[in-house]
Protein backbone atom coordinates (compact mmCIF):
# COMPACT_ATOMS: atom_id res chain seq x y z
CA GLY A 1 37.69 20.35 50.88
CA TYR A 2 37.68 19.19 47.24
CA CYS A 3 35.35 16.64 45.69
CA TRP A 4 36.55 14.26 42.98
CA PRO A 5 33.49 12.63 41.41
CA PHE A 6 34.06 9.49 39.38
CA GLN A 7 31.69 8.05 36.79
CA ALA A 8 32.98 4.47 36.87
CA SER A 9 33.02 1.88 39.64
CA ARG A 10 36.83 1.78 39.33
CA SER A 11 38.92 4.90 39.01
CA GLN A 12 42.43 6.15 39.56
CA VAL A 13 43.76 9.42 40.96
CA VAL A 14 47.37 10.53 40.60
CA ILE A 15 48.63 13.32 42.84
CA ARG A 16 52.01 14.76 41.94
CA LEU A 17 53.73 16.72 44.69
CA PRO A 18 56.42 19.37 44.12
CA ALA A 19 58.80 17.72 46.61
CA GLN A 20 59.55 14.24 47.90
CA VAL A 21 57.45 13.27 50.93
CA ARG A 22 57.14 10.24 53.20
CA PRO A 23 53.43 10.02 53.97
CA THR A 24 52.37 8.10 57.07
CA ALA A 25 48.59 8.03 56.54
CA ILE A 26 45.81 8.92 54.13
CA THR A 27 42.48 10.41 55.19
CA VAL A 28 39.25 9.89 53.23
CA GLN A 29 36.09 11.88 53.93
CA HIS A 30 32.57 11.35 52.58
CA PRO A 31 29.29 12.97 53.74
CA LEU A 32 27.07 11.09 56.18
CA LYS A 33 23.84 9.47 54.98
CA LYS A 34 21.79 12.06 56.85
CA SER A 35 23.79 14.87 55.18
CA SER A 36 23.14 13.54 51.69
CA GLU A 37 20.24 15.13 49.82
CA LEU A 38 19.05 11.69 48.70
CA GLY A 39 19.89 9.88 51.94
CA ASP A 40 22.14 7.61 49.88
CA ILE A 41 25.92 7.37 50.09
CA SER A 42 26.43 4.51 47.66
CA SER A 43 28.99 6.72 45.91
CA ALA A 44 31.31 6.53 48.95
CA PRO A 45 34.67 4.91 48.28
CA ARG A 46 34.98 1.37 49.47
CA ASP A 47 38.01 -0.74 48.70
CA PHE A 48 41.03 1.23 47.55
CA VAL A 49 44.78 0.92 47.10
CA VAL A 50 47.41 3.58 47.77
CA SER A 51 50.75 3.43 45.99
CA GLY A 52 53.73 5.74 45.79
CA VAL A 53 56.30 6.20 43.05
CA ASP A 54 59.96 7.12 43.09
CA GLU A 55 61.21 10.57 42.04
CA GLU A 56 61.43 9.50 38.41
CA GLY A 57 57.86 8.19 38.50
CA GLU A 58 59.01 4.76 37.43
CA GLU A 59 59.08 2.40 40.43
CA GLU A 60 55.73 1.95 42.17
CA THR A 61 55.50 0.86 45.81
CA LEU A 62 52.32 -0.44 47.47
CA LEU A 63 51.59 1.65 50.58
CA GLY A 64 48.38 -0.10 51.58
CA THR A 65 45.06 -1.69 50.67
CA PHE A 66 42.08 -0.31 52.60
CA SER A 67 38.30 -0.36 52.98
CA TYR A 68 36.23 2.72 53.80
CA ASP A 69 33.35 1.74 56.11
CA THR A 70 30.18 3.73 55.35
CA GLU A 71 28.78 2.76 58.77
CA LYS A 72 31.60 4.50 60.63
CA GLU A 73 32.60 8.16 60.93
CA PRO A 74 32.61 10.15 57.66
CA THR A 75 36.32 10.97 58.06
CA GLN A 76 38.53 7.91 58.27
CA THR A 77 42.33 7.81 58.46
CA PHE A 78 44.32 4.82 57.26
CA PRO A 79 47.98 4.32 58.29
CA LEU A 80 50.28 3.60 55.35
CA GLN A 81 52.88 0.86 55.22
CA VAL A 82 56.05 2.91 55.53
CA ARG A 83 59.03 1.38 53.76
CA GLU A 84 62.38 2.01 55.41
CA VAL A 85 65.10 3.24 53.07
């Protein structure tokens, strides 16, 4: 339900959670072309990387590299690479 507009072609978002979690997927949603006032969705995310960090915020782990397809459904879910502990 929240929009995070970015001004650059490359951006980074950090989400800090109050407790340790083991996410299994990430969902990205962007309005359809026909829902856009300008009929343009060039601002939709395309290639993106999801990483996680340990509790201390020091060790980063790659959870997946993905591509959002603007020709598919506006809500797309991407399974994360789950690392066994």
